[in-house]
C-alpha atoms as a PDB file:
ATOM      1  CA  MET A   1     -39.014 -17.682 -12.152  1.00  0.00           C
ATOM      2  CA  GLU A   2     -40.890 -17.854 -15.302  1.00  0.00           C
ATOM      3  CA  GLU A   3     -42.685 -21.073 -14.176  1.00  0.00           C
ATOM      4  CA  ILE A   4     -43.741 -19.106 -10.787  1.00  0.00           C
ATOM      5  CA  LYS A   5     -45.127 -16.118 -12.974  1.00  0.00           C
ATOM      6  CA  GLN A   6     -47.237 -18.691 -15.155  1.00  0.00           C
ATOM      7  CA  PHE A   7     -48.807 -20.075 -11.662  1.00  0.00           C
ATOM      8  CA  PHE A   8     -49.809 -16.213 -10.970  1.00  0.00           C
ATOM      9  CA  ILE A   9     -51.167 -15.787 -14.529  1.00  0.00           C
ATOM     10  CA  LYS A  10     -53.269 -19.101 -14.308  1.00  0.00           C
ATOM     11  CA  ILE A  11     -54.996 -18.011 -11.221  1.00  0.00           C
ATOM     12  CA  GLY A  12     -55.575 -14.447 -12.924  1.00  0.00           C
ATOM     13  CA  ARG A  13     -53.134 -12.557 -11.076  1.00  0.00           C
ATOM     14  CA  ALA A  14     -50.938 -11.369 -13.785  1.00  0.00           C
ATOM     15  CA  ASP A  15     -50.205  -8.059 -11.957  1.00  0.00           C
ATOM     16  CA  VAL A  16     -47.999  -9.880  -9.467  1.00  0.00           C
ATOM     17  CA  ASP A  17     -44.227 -10.172 -10.552  1.00  0.00           C
ATOM     18  CA  GLU A  18     -40.903 -11.328  -9.240  1.00  0.00           C
ATOM     19  CA  ASN A  19     -39.847  -7.821  -8.203  1.00  0.00           C
ATOM     20  CA  MET A  20     -42.607  -7.656  -5.618  1.00  0.00           C
ATOM     21  CA  ARG A  21     -42.035  -8.642  -1.822  1.00  0.00           C
ATOM     22  CA  ASN A  22     -44.391  -9.196   1.193  1.00  0.00           C
ATOM     23  CA  LEU A  23     -46.911 -10.465  -0.961  1.00  0.00           C
ATOM     24  CA  VAL A  24     -48.971 -12.009   1.831  1.00  0.00           C
ATOM     25  CA  SER A  25     -48.244  -9.528   4.709  1.00  0.00           C
ATOM     26  CA  ASP A  26     -48.845  -6.476   2.438  1.00  0.00           C
ATOM     27  CA  ASN A  27     -52.205  -8.059   1.269  1.00  0.00           C
ATOM     28  CA  ILE A  28     -51.048  -8.229  -2.596  1.00  0.00           C
ATOM     29  CA  ILE A  29     -52.169 -11.632  -2.471  1.00  0.00           C
ATOM     30  CA  ASP A  30     -54.778 -13.218  -0.124  1.00  0.00           C
ATOM     31  CA  SER A  31     -55.522 -16.506   1.467  1.00  0.00           C
ATOM     32  CA  LEU A  32     -57.636 -17.622  -1.629  1.00  0.00           C
ATOM     33  CA  ASP A  33     -54.700 -16.531  -4.108  1.00  0.00           C
ATOM     34  CA  VAL A  34     -52.463 -18.715  -2.013  1.00  0.00           C
ATOM     35  CA  MET A  35     -54.952 -21.913  -2.197  1.00  0.00           C
ATOM     36  CA  ASN A  36     -55.388 -21.137  -5.872  1.00  0.00           C
ATOM     37  CA  LEU A  37     -51.414 -21.257  -6.159  1.00  0.00           C
ATOM     38  CA  ILE A  38     -51.246 -24.358  -4.191  1.00  0.00           C
ATOM     39  CA  ASN A  39     -53.882 -25.744  -6.529  1.00  0.00           C
ATOM     40  CA  GLU A  40     -51.875 -24.750  -9.533  1.00  0.00           C
ATOM     41  CA  ILE A  41     -48.602 -26.055  -8.143  1.00  0.00           C
ATOM     42  CA  GLU A  42     -50.056 -29.556  -7.422  1.00  0.00           C
ATOM     43  CA  LYS A  43     -51.607 -29.786 -10.744  1.00  0.00           C
ATOM     44  CA  HIS A  44     -48.444 -28.901 -12.380  1.00  0.00           C
ATOM     45  CA  TYR A  45     -46.169 -31.218 -10.386  1.00  0.00           C
ATOM     46  CA  ASN A  46     -48.896 -33.865 -10.012  1.00  0.00           C
ATOM     47  CA  LYS A  47     -47.916 -33.935  -6.333  1.00  0.00           C
ATOM     48  CA  THR A  48     -49.732 -32.850  -2.975  1.00  0.00           C
ATOM     49  CA  LEU A  49     -48.067 -30.381  -1.053  1.00  0.00           C
ATOM     50  CA  ASP A  50     -47.163 -31.323   2.428  1.00  0.00           C
ATOM     51  CA  SER A  51     -49.093 -29.065   4.892  1.00  0.00           C
ATOM     52  CA  ASP A  52     -45.755 -27.743   6.197  1.00  0.00           C
ATOM     53  CA  PHE A  53     -45.352 -25.860   2.946  1.00  0.00           C
ATOM     54  CA  MET A  54     -48.811 -24.163   2.954  1.00  0.00           C
ATOM     55  CA  ARG A  55     -47.604 -21.420   5.418  1.00  0.00           C
ATOM     56  CA  PRO A  56     -47.859 -17.840   4.249  1.00  0.00           C
ATOM     57  CA  ILE A  57     -44.107 -17.196   4.698  1.00  0.00           C
ATOM     58  CA  HIS A  58     -43.452 -19.593   1.731  1.00  0.00           C
ATOM     59  CA  PHE A  59     -45.736 -17.305  -0.579  1.00  0.00           C
ATOM     60  CA  GLU A  60     -44.067 -13.796   0.416  1.00  0.00           C
ATOM     61  CA  SER A  61     -42.080 -13.494  -2.784  1.00  0.00           C
ATOM     62  CA  PHE A  62     -41.182 -15.420  -5.804  1.00  0.00           C
ATOM     63  CA  GLU A  63     -37.729 -16.409  -4.302  1.00  0.00           C
ATOM     64  CA  ASN A  64     -39.802 -17.905  -1.407  1.00  0.00           C
ATOM     65  CA  ILE A  65     -41.941 -19.760  -3.531  1.00  0.00           C
ATOM     66  CA  GLN A  66     -39.023 -21.128  -5.582  1.00  0.00           C
ATOM     67  CA  LYS A  67     -37.069 -22.287  -2.312  1.00  0.00           C
ATOM     68  CA  MET A  68     -40.471 -24.029  -1.072  1.00  0.00           C
ATOM     69  CA  LEU A  69     -40.777 -25.878  -4.595  1.00  0.00           C
ATOM     70  CA  GLU A  70     -37.164 -27.124  -4.447  1.00  0.00           C
ATOM     71  CA  LEU A  71     -37.819 -28.451  -0.983  1.00  0.00           C
ATOM     72  CA  ALA A  72     -41.339 -29.842  -1.616  1.00  0.00           C
ATOM     73  CA  MET A  73     -40.210 -31.446  -4.663  1.00  0.00           C
ATOM     74  CA  LYS A  74     -37.299 -33.348  -3.375  1.00  0.00           C
ATOM     75  CA  ASP A  75     -39.529 -35.957  -1.907  1.00  0.00           C
END
C-alpha cells in the first residue's frame, strides 16, 4: 500500500490515505486526480494501462487500486 500512497503524494494528494473508502463516489478524488494517478502508474511501471482498468470503480480505495494493479501488471 505504500507504493499507492506514493502515487497519491506525487500527484499532490498526500491527504488521501489507505483508510479512506469511496474515493471517487464521495468526490474525495476527481477525474483529474484519477488521470494523474494513471499517468503516475504508467510511468512507474513503464506500461500503458488497458482502458478496462480506467474505470472509477478501480480507484474507490487503495485495495481496489492494488487489485487493479495486480491484474493489469500480469500481462
